[in-house]
């Protein structure tokens, strides 16, 4: 079997994974990404001239609970359907 060197997830798959690993069993949850912003001077490779630039790091990835009546979309998952409480 070949060695796996890359795994990617869709936004929905990532939301589903977080719901399951955090044992969330109710509510609708939406994937969120918290960005930061920082200014810097950037010298491109092969250039001696610096340019003002913005760095936008991803600081956090998580879930935020949404209103019960909101419909599911590509970044919103109903935990009760995905991960129901065991009977």
PDB file of N, CA and C in Angstrom:
ATOM      1  N   UNK A   1       0.847  -1.175   0.000  1.00  0.00           N
ATOM      2  CA  UNK A   1       0.000   0.000   0.000  1.00  0.00           C
ATOM      3  C   UNK A   1       0.892   1.239   0.000  1.00  0.00           C
ATOM      4  N   UNK A   2       0.614   2.201  -0.888  1.00  0.00           N
ATOM      5  CA  UNK A   2       1.472   3.393  -0.949  1.00  0.00           C
ATOM      6  C   UNK A   2       1.319   4.249   0.311  1.00  0.00           C
ATOM      7  N   UNK A   3       2.382   4.949   0.631  1.00  0.00           N
ATOM      8  CA  UNK A   3       2.366   5.847   1.786  1.00  0.00           C
ATOM      9  C   UNK A   3       1.496   7.067   1.479  1.00  0.00           C
ATOM     10  N   UNK A   4       0.631   7.415   2.431  1.00  0.00           N
ATOM     11  CA  UNK A   4      -0.219   8.590   2.265  1.00  0.00           C
ATOM     12  C   UNK A   4       0.610   9.820   2.606  1.00  0.00           C
ATOM     13  N   UNK A   5       0.629  10.792   1.704  1.00  0.00           N
ATOM     14  CA  UNK A   5       1.431  11.988   1.946  1.00  0.00           C
ATOM     15  C   UNK A   5       0.600  13.262   1.975  1.00  0.00           C
ATOM     16  N   UNK A   6      -0.714  13.151   1.692  1.00  0.00           N
ATOM     17  CA  UNK A   6      -1.564  14.336   1.704  1.00  0.00           C
ATOM     18  C   UNK A   6      -2.987  13.924   2.035  1.00  0.00           C
ATOM     19  N   UNK A   7      -3.571  14.604   3.000  1.00  0.00           N
ATOM     20  CA  UNK A   7      -4.976  14.396   3.343  1.00  0.00           C
ATOM     21  C   UNK A   7      -5.632  15.766   3.358  1.00  0.00           C
ATOM     22  N   UNK A   8      -6.730  15.914   2.622  1.00  0.00           N
ATOM     23  CA  UNK A   8      -7.460  17.175   2.634  1.00  0.00           C
ATOM     24  C   UNK A   8      -8.897  16.903   3.053  1.00  0.00           C
ATOM     25  N   UNK A   9      -9.527  17.904   3.631  1.00  0.00           N
ATOM     26  CA  UNK A   9     -10.910  17.806   4.068  1.00  0.00           C
ATOM     27  C   UNK A   9     -11.697  18.985   3.525  1.00  0.00           C
ATOM     28  N   UNK A  10     -12.955  18.756   3.211  1.00  0.00           N
ATOM     29  CA  UNK A  10     -13.822  19.871   2.859  1.00  0.00           C
ATOM     30  C   UNK A  10     -14.189  20.604   4.146  1.00  0.00           C
ATOM     31  N   UNK A  11     -14.777  21.779   3.998  1.00  0.00           N
ATOM     32  CA  UNK A  11     -15.218  22.526   5.176  1.00  0.00           C
ATOM     33  C   UNK A  11     -16.212  21.703   5.989  1.00  0.00           C
ATOM     34  N   UNK A  12     -17.139  21.062   5.319  1.00  0.00           N
ATOM     35  CA  UNK A  12     -18.151  20.254   6.001  1.00  0.00           C
ATOM     36  C   UNK A  12     -17.520  19.060   6.716  1.00  0.00           C
ATOM     37  N   UNK A  13     -16.588  18.381   6.052  1.00  0.00           N
ATOM     38  CA  UNK A  13     -15.923  17.238   6.682  1.00  0.00           C
ATOM     39  C   UNK A  13     -15.184  17.661   7.947  1.00  0.00           C
ATOM     40  N   UNK A  14     -14.557  18.830   7.915  1.00  0.00           N
ATOM     41  CA  UNK A  14     -13.855  19.322   9.096  1.00  0.00           C
ATOM     42  C   UNK A  14     -14.841  19.628  10.220  1.00  0.00           C
ATOM     43  N   UNK A  15     -15.974  20.265   9.893  1.00  0.00           N
ATOM     44  CA  UNK A  15     -16.999  20.537  10.899  1.00  0.00           C
ATOM     45  C   UNK A  15     -17.518  19.233  11.500  1.00  0.00           C
ATOM     46  N   UNK A  16     -17.777  18.237  10.654  1.00  0.00           N
ATOM     47  CA  UNK A  16     -18.259  16.945  11.130  1.00  0.00           C
ATOM     48  C   UNK A  16     -17.242  16.274  12.048  1.00  0.00           C
ATOM     49  N   UNK A  17     -15.975  16.352  11.698  1.00  0.00           N
ATOM     50  CA  UNK A  17     -14.930  15.738  12.516  1.00  0.00           C
ATOM     51  C   UNK A  17     -14.866  16.389  13.902  1.00  0.00           C
ATOM     52  N   UNK A  18     -14.962  17.711  13.948  1.00  0.00           N
ATOM     53  CA  UNK A  18     -14.916  18.407  15.239  1.00  0.00           C
ATOM     54  C   UNK A  18     -16.128  18.017  16.087  1.00  0.00           C
ATOM     55  N   UNK A  19     -17.313  17.954  15.479  1.00  0.00           N
ATOM     56  CA  UNK A  19     -18.518  17.567  16.219  1.00  0.00           C
ATOM     57  C   UNK A  19     -18.349  16.184  16.830  1.00  0.00           C
ATOM     58  N   UNK A  20     -17.836  15.242  16.066  1.00  0.00           N
ATOM     59  CA  UNK A  20     -17.666  13.877  16.574  1.00  0.00           C
ATOM     60  C   UNK A  20     -16.597  13.793  17.652  1.00  0.00           C
ATOM     61  N   UNK A  21     -15.468  14.446  17.449  1.00  0.00           N
ATOM     62  CA  UNK A  21     -14.384  14.342  18.437  1.00  0.00           C
ATOM     63  C   UNK A  21     -14.695  15.089  19.727  1.00  0.00           C
ATOM     64  N   UNK A  22     -15.566  16.090  19.663  1.00  0.00           N
ATOM     65  CA  UNK A  22     -15.945  16.847  20.860  1.00  0.00           C
ATOM     66  C   UNK A  22     -17.227  16.303  21.498  1.00  0.00           C
ATOM     67  N   UNK A  23     -17.749  15.188  20.977  1.00  0.00           N
ATOM     68  CA  UNK A  23     -18.964  14.553  21.500  1.00  0.00           C
ATOM     69  C   UNK A  23     -20.138  15.515  21.590  1.00  0.00           C
ATOM     70  N   UNK A  24     -20.354  16.280  20.525  1.00  0.00           N
ATOM     71  CA  UNK A  24     -21.488  17.196  20.461  1.00  0.00           C
ATOM     72  C   UNK A  24     -22.661  16.417  19.860  1.00  0.00           C
ATOM     73  N   UNK A  25     -23.808  16.447  20.555  1.00  0.00           N
ATOM     74  CA  UNK A  25     -24.946  15.642  20.128  1.00  0.00           C
ATOM     75  C   UNK A  25     -26.184  16.461  19.789  1.00  0.00           C
ATOM     76  N   UNK A  26     -26.129  17.775  19.940  1.00  0.00           N
ATOM     77  CA  UNK A  26     -27.304  18.581  19.633  1.00  0.00           C
ATOM     78  C   UNK A  26     -26.903  19.943  19.118  1.00  0.00           C
ATOM     79  N   UNK A  27     -27.827  20.563  18.406  1.00  0.00           N
ATOM     80  CA  UNK A  27     -27.611  21.906  17.891  1.00  0.00           C
ATOM     81  C   UNK A  27     -26.999  21.908  16.503  1.00  0.00           C
ATOM     82  N   UNK A  28     -27.149  23.038  15.840  1.00  0.00           N
ATOM     83  CA  UNK A  28     -26.518  23.250  14.537  1.00  0.00           C
ATOM     84  C   UNK A  28     -25.250  24.056  14.768  1.00  0.00           C
ATOM     85  N   UNK A  29     -24.196  23.641  14.096  1.00  0.00           N
ATOM     86  CA  UNK A  29     -22.879  24.238  14.297  1.00  0.00           C
ATOM     87  C   UNK A  29     -22.282  24.618  12.961  1.00  0.00           C
ATOM     88  N   UNK A  30     -21.625  25.771  12.939  1.00  0.00           N
ATOM     89  CA  UNK A  30     -21.013  26.297  11.724  1.00  0.00           C
ATOM     90  C   UNK A  30     -19.499  26.392  11.924  1.00  0.00           C
ATOM     91  N   UNK A  31     -18.765  25.978  10.906  1.00  0.00           N
ATOM     92  CA  UNK A  31     -17.308  26.089  10.925  1.00  0.00           C
ATOM     93  C   UNK A  31     -16.909  27.559  10.914  1.00  0.00           C
ATOM     94  N   UNK A  32     -15.998  27.943  11.775  1.00  0.00           N
ATOM     95  CA  UNK A  32     -15.470  29.307  11.769  1.00  0.00           C
ATOM     96  C   UNK A  32     -13.950  29.273  11.691  1.00  0.00           C
ATOM     97  N   UNK A  33     -13.403  30.317  11.114  1.00  0.00           N
ATOM     98  CA  UNK A  33     -11.951  30.493  11.056  1.00  0.00           C
ATOM     99  C   UNK A  33     -11.662  31.912  11.517  1.00  0.00           C
ATOM    100  N   UNK A  34     -10.777  32.039  12.502  1.00  0.00           N
ATOM    101  CA  UNK A  34     -10.401  33.343  13.042  1.00  0.00           C
ATOM    102  C   UNK A  34      -9.053  33.730  12.430  1.00  0.00           C
ATOM    103  N   UNK A  35      -9.057  34.873  11.754  1.00  0.00           N
ATOM    104  CA  UNK A  35      -7.845  35.359  11.112  1.00  0.00           C
ATOM    105  C   UNK A  35      -7.227  36.480  11.949  1.00  0.00           C
ATOM    106  N   UNK A  36      -5.930  36.625  11.855  1.00  0.00           N
ATOM    107  CA  UNK A  36      -5.227  37.770  12.414  1.00  0.00           C
ATOM    108  C   UNK A  36      -4.687  38.578  11.240  1.00  0.00           C
ATOM    109  N   UNK A  37      -4.172  39.745  11.531  1.00  0.00           N
ATOM    110  CA  UNK A  37      -3.544  40.521  10.455  1.00  0.00           C
ATOM    111  C   UNK A  37      -2.328  41.238  11.024  1.00  0.00           C
ATOM    112  N   UNK A  38      -1.265  41.260  10.257  1.00  0.00           N
ATOM    113  CA  UNK A  38      -0.018  41.873  10.696  1.00  0.00           C
ATOM    114  C   UNK A  38       0.644  42.516   9.482  1.00  0.00           C
ATOM    115  N   UNK A  39       1.138  43.713   9.636  1.00  0.00           N
ATOM    116  CA  UNK A  39       1.882  44.371   8.568  1.00  0.00           C
ATOM    117  C   UNK A  39       3.356  44.002   8.631  1.00  0.00           C
ATOM    118  N   UNK A  40       3.999  43.997   7.492  1.00  0.00           N
ATOM    119  CA  UNK A  40       5.434  43.691   7.431  1.00  0.00           C
ATOM    120  C   UNK A  40       5.997  44.240   6.130  1.00  0.00           C
ATOM    121  N   UNK A  41       7.297  44.372   6.073  1.00  0.00           N
ATOM    122  CA  UNK A  41       7.969  44.699   4.827  1.00  0.00           C
ATOM    123  C   UNK A  41       8.452  43.399   4.213  1.00  0.00           C
ATOM    124  N   UNK A  42       8.184  43.230   2.929  1.00  0.00           N
ATOM    125  CA  UNK A  42       8.487  41.975   2.252  1.00  0.00           C
ATOM    126  C   UNK A  42       9.422  42.240   1.089  1.00  0.00           C
ATOM    127  N   UNK A  43      10.495  41.463   1.019  1.00  0.00           N
ATOM    128  CA  UNK A  43      11.438  41.540  -0.100  1.00  0.00           C
ATOM    129  C   UNK A  43      11.270  40.257  -0.904  1.00  0.00           C
ATOM    130  N   UNK A  44      10.671  40.343  -2.089  1.00  0.00           N
ATOM    131  CA  UNK A  44      10.469  39.139  -2.898  1.00  0.00           C
ATOM    132  C   UNK A  44      11.799  38.508  -3.304  1.00  0.00           C
ATOM    133  N   UNK A  45      11.813  37.202  -3.511  1.00  0.00           N
ATOM    134  CA  UNK A  45      13.032  36.533  -3.973  1.00  0.00           C
ATOM    135  C   UNK A  45      13.536  37.169  -5.275  1.00  0.00           C
ATOM    136  N   UNK A  46      14.824  37.412  -5.351  1.00  0.00           N
ATOM    137  CA  UNK A  46      15.425  37.989  -6.546  1.00  0.00           C
ATOM    138  C   UNK A  46      15.292  39.500  -6.634  1.00  0.00           C
ATOM    139  N   UNK A  47      14.748  40.146  -5.591  1.00  0.00           N
ATOM    140  CA  UNK A  47      14.574  41.593  -5.601  1.00  0.00           C
ATOM    141  C   UNK A  47      15.347  42.199  -4.436  1.00  0.00           C
ATOM    142  N   UNK A  48      15.761  43.436  -4.610  1.00  0.00           N
ATOM    143  CA  UNK A  48      16.406  44.149  -3.506  1.00  0.00           C
ATOM    144  C   UNK A  48      15.458  45.203  -2.934  1.00  0.00           C
ATOM    145  N   UNK A  49      14.266  45.291  -3.506  1.00  0.00           N
ATOM    146  CA  UNK A  49      13.303  46.296  -3.076  1.00  0.00           C
ATOM    147  C   UNK A  49      12.282  45.680  -2.119  1.00  0.00           C
ATOM    148  N   UNK A  50      12.018  46.387  -1.026  1.00  0.00           N
ATOM    149  CA  UNK A  50      11.032  45.935  -0.046  1.00  0.00           C
ATOM    150  C   UNK A  50       9.669  46.534  -0.368  1.00  0.00           C
ATOM    151  N   UNK A  51       8.635  45.791  -0.065  1.00  0.00           N
ATOM    152  CA  UNK A  51       7.256  46.237  -0.287  1.00  0.00           C
ATOM    153  C   UNK A  51       6.453  46.061   0.994  1.00  0.00           C
ATOM    154  N   UNK A  52       5.588  47.040   1.319  1.00  0.00           N
ATOM    155  CA  UNK A  52       4.687  46.830   2.445  1.00  0.00           C
ATOM    156  C   UNK A  52       3.751  45.661   2.119  1.00  0.00           C
ATOM    157  N   UNK A  53       3.498  44.827   3.111  1.00  0.00           N
ATOM    158  CA  UNK A  53       2.657  43.650   2.882  1.00  0.00           C
ATOM    159  C   UNK A  53       1.815  43.366   4.115  1.00  0.00           C
ATOM    160  N   UNK A  54       0.787  42.576   3.920  1.00  0.00           N
ATOM    161  CA  UNK A  54      -0.052  42.135   5.030  1.00  0.00           C
ATOM    162  C   UNK A  54       0.079  40.619   5.158  1.00  0.00           C
ATOM    163  N   UNK A  55       0.305  40.176   6.357  1.00  0.00           N
ATOM    164  CA  UNK A  55       0.325  38.748   6.661  1.00  0.00           C
ATOM    165  C   UNK A  55      -0.990  38.429   7.352  1.00  0.00           C
ATOM    166  N   UNK A  56      -1.665  37.393   6.910  1.00  0.00           N
ATOM    167  CA  UNK A  56      -2.966  37.051   7.479  1.00  0.00           C
ATOM    168  C   UNK A  56      -2.912  35.602   7.965  1.00  0.00           C
ATOM    169  N   UNK A  57      -2.445  35.391   9.200  1.00  0.00           N
ATOM    170  CA  UNK A  57      -2.379  34.025   9.709  1.00  0.00           C
ATOM    171  C   UNK A  57      -3.746  33.518  10.152  1.00  0.00           C
ATOM    172  N   UNK A  58      -3.949  32.224  10.035  1.00  0.00           N
ATOM    173  CA  UNK A  58      -5.131  31.587  10.613  1.00  0.00           C
ATOM    174  C   UNK A  58      -4.798  31.325  12.071  1.00  0.00           C
ATOM    175  N   UNK A  59      -5.531  31.967  12.984  1.00  0.00           N
ATOM    176  CA  UNK A  59      -5.253  31.834  14.402  1.00  0.00           C
ATOM    177  C   UNK A  59      -5.999  30.682  15.054  1.00  0.00           C
ATOM    178  N   UNK A  60      -7.244  30.454  14.621  1.00  0.00           N
ATOM    179  CA  UNK A  60      -8.050  29.388  15.215  1.00  0.00           C
ATOM    180  C   UNK A  60      -9.019  28.854  14.174  1.00  0.00           C
ATOM    181  N   UNK A  61      -9.360  27.584  14.323  1.00  0.00           N
ATOM    182  CA  UNK A  61     -10.416  26.965  13.533  1.00  0.00           C
ATOM    183  C   UNK A  61     -11.339  26.285  14.534  1.00  0.00           C
ATOM    184  N   UNK A  62     -12.640  26.494  14.383  1.00  0.00           N
ATOM    185  CA  UNK A  62     -13.545  25.894  15.342  1.00  0.00           C
ATOM    186  C   UNK A  62     -14.977  25.887  14.858  1.00  0.00           C
ATOM    187  N   UNK A  63     -15.898  25.735  15.811  1.00  0.00           N
ATOM    188  CA  UNK A  63     -17.323  25.705  15.529  1.00  0.00           C
ATOM    189  C   UNK A  63     -18.026  26.779  16.333  1.00  0.00           C
ATOM    190  N   UNK A  64     -19.103  27.314  15.767  1.00  0.00           N
ATOM    191  CA  UNK A  64     -19.954  28.264  16.472  1.00  0.00           C
ATOM    192  C   UNK A  64     -21.384  27.769  16.333  1.00  0.00           C
ATOM    193  N   UNK A  65     -22.102  27.738  17.453  1.00  0.00           N
ATOM    194  CA  UNK A  65     -23.496  27.290  17.424  1.00  0.00           C
ATOM    195  C   UNK A  65     -24.342  28.349  16.724  1.00  0.00           C
ATOM    196  N   UNK A  66     -25.271  27.887  15.881  1.00  0.00           N
ATOM    197  CA  UNK A  66     -26.138  28.800  15.142  1.00  0.00           C
ATOM    198  C   UNK A  66     -27.584  28.577  15.562  1.00  0.00           C
ATOM    199  N   UNK A  67     -28.463  29.478  15.126  1.00  0.00           N
ATOM    200  CA  UNK A  67     -29.883  29.369  15.454  1.00  0.00           C
ATOM    201  C   UNK A  67     -30.456  28.062  14.927  1.00  0.00           C
ATOM    202  N   UNK A  68     -31.353  27.481  15.700  1.00  0.00           N
ATOM    203  CA  UNK A  68     -31.937  26.178  15.360  1.00  0.00           C
ATOM    204  C   UNK A  68     -32.649  26.191  14.008  1.00  0.00           C
ATOM    205  N   UNK A  69     -33.232  27.324  13.627  1.00  0.00           N
ATOM    206  CA  UNK A  69     -34.017  27.373  12.392  1.00  0.00           C
ATOM    207  C   UNK A  69     -33.180  27.653  11.140  1.00  0.00           C
ATOM    208  N   UNK A  70     -31.879  27.866  11.302  1.00  0.00           N
ATOM    209  CA  UNK A  70     -31.040  28.079  10.120  1.00  0.00           C
ATOM    210  C   UNK A  70     -30.846  26.761   9.381  1.00  0.00           C
ATOM    211  N   UNK A  71     -30.871  26.827   8.050  1.00  0.00           N
ATOM    212  CA  UNK A  71     -30.702  25.609   7.263  1.00  0.00           C
ATOM    213  C   UNK A  71     -29.247  25.188   7.214  1.00  0.00           C
ATOM    214  N   UNK A  72     -29.039  23.916   6.961  1.00  0.00           N
ATOM    215  CA  UNK A  72     -27.678  23.407   6.810  1.00  0.00           C
ATOM    216  C   UNK A  72     -27.129  23.860   5.463  1.00  0.00           C
ATOM    217  N   UNK A  73     -25.838  24.139   5.440  1.00  0.00           N
ATOM    218  CA  UNK A  73     -25.157  24.472   4.197  1.00  0.00           C
ATOM    219  C   UNK A  73     -23.798  23.795   4.228  1.00  0.00           C
ATOM    220  N   UNK A  74     -22.893  24.228   3.393  1.00  0.00           N
ATOM    221  CA  UNK A  74     -21.606  23.535   3.282  1.00  0.00           C
ATOM    222  C   UNK A  74     -20.714  23.681   4.501  1.00  0.00           C
ATOM    223  N   UNK A  75     -21.032  24.636   5.403  1.00  0.00           N
ATOM    224  CA  UNK A  75     -20.219  24.795   6.614  1.00  0.00           C
ATOM    225  C   UNK A  75     -21.039  24.676   7.890  1.00  0.00           C
ATOM    226  N   UNK A  76     -22.322  24.284   7.772  1.00  0.00           N
ATOM    227  CA  UNK A  76     -23.188  24.133   8.937  1.00  0.00           C
ATOM    228  C   UNK A  76     -23.681  22.693   9.022  1.00  0.00           C
ATOM    229  N   UNK A  77     -23.582  22.117  10.221  1.00  0.00           N
ATOM    230  CA  UNK A  77     -23.934  20.714  10.409  1.00  0.00           C
ATOM    231  C   UNK A  77     -24.866  20.587  11.611  1.00  0.00           C
ATOM    232  N   UNK A  78     -25.897  19.751  11.481  1.00  0.00           N
ATOM    233  CA  UNK A  78     -26.807  19.445  12.581  1.00  0.00           C
ATOM    234  C   UNK A  78     -26.225  18.268  13.357  1.00  0.00           C
ATOM    235  N   UNK A  79     -25.754  18.530  14.563  1.00  0.00           N
ATOM    236  CA  UNK A  79     -25.105  17.503  15.369  1.00  0.00           C
ATOM    237  C   UNK A  79     -26.056  16.381  15.744  1.00  0.00           C
ATOM    238  N   UNK A  80     -27.344  16.683  15.933  1.00  0.00           N
ATOM    239  CA  UNK A  80     -28.312  15.644  16.294  1.00  0.00           C
ATOM    240  C   UNK A  80     -28.449  14.602  15.174  1.00  0.00           C
ATOM    241  N   UNK A  81     -28.324  15.029  13.928  1.00  0.00           N
ATOM    242  CA  UNK A  81     -28.398  14.087  12.799  1.00  0.00           C
ATOM    243  C   UNK A  81     -27.079  13.350  12.609  1.00  0.00           C
ATOM    244  N   UNK A  82     -25.987  14.083  12.718  1.00  0.00           N
ATOM    245  CA  UNK A  82     -24.665  13.501  12.470  1.00  0.00           C
ATOM    246  C   UNK A  82     -24.208  12.587  13.603  1.00  0.00           C
ATOM    247  N   UNK A  83     -24.451  12.996  14.826  1.00  0.00           N
ATOM    248  CA  UNK A  83     -23.869  12.315  15.992  1.00  0.00           C
ATOM    249  C   UNK A  83     -24.922  12.193  17.106  1.00  0.00           C
ATOM    250  N   UNK A  84     -26.007  11.425  16.849  1.00  0.00           N
ATOM    251  CA  UNK A  84     -27.063  11.334  17.860  1.00  0.00           C
ATOM    252  C   UNK A  84     -26.565  10.668  19.145  1.00  0.00           C
ATOM    253  N   UNK A  85     -27.245  11.002  20.245  1.00  0.00           N
ATOM    254  CA  UNK A  85     -26.917  10.351  21.509  1.00  0.00           C
ATOM    255  C   UNK A  85     -27.159   8.858  21.400  1.00  0.00           C
ATOM    256  N   UNK A  86     -26.279   8.049  21.977  1.00  0.00           N
ATOM    257  CA  UNK A  86     -26.502   6.589  21.954  1.00  0.00           C
ATOM    258  C   UNK A  86     -27.787   6.228  22.714  1.00  0.00           C
ATOM    259  N   UNK A  87     -28.510   5.249  22.221  1.00  0.00           N
ATOM    260  CA  UNK A  87     -29.746   4.821  22.879  1.00  0.00           C
ATOM    261  C   UNK A  87     -29.458   3.873  24.027  1.00  0.00           C
TER     262      UNK A  87
END
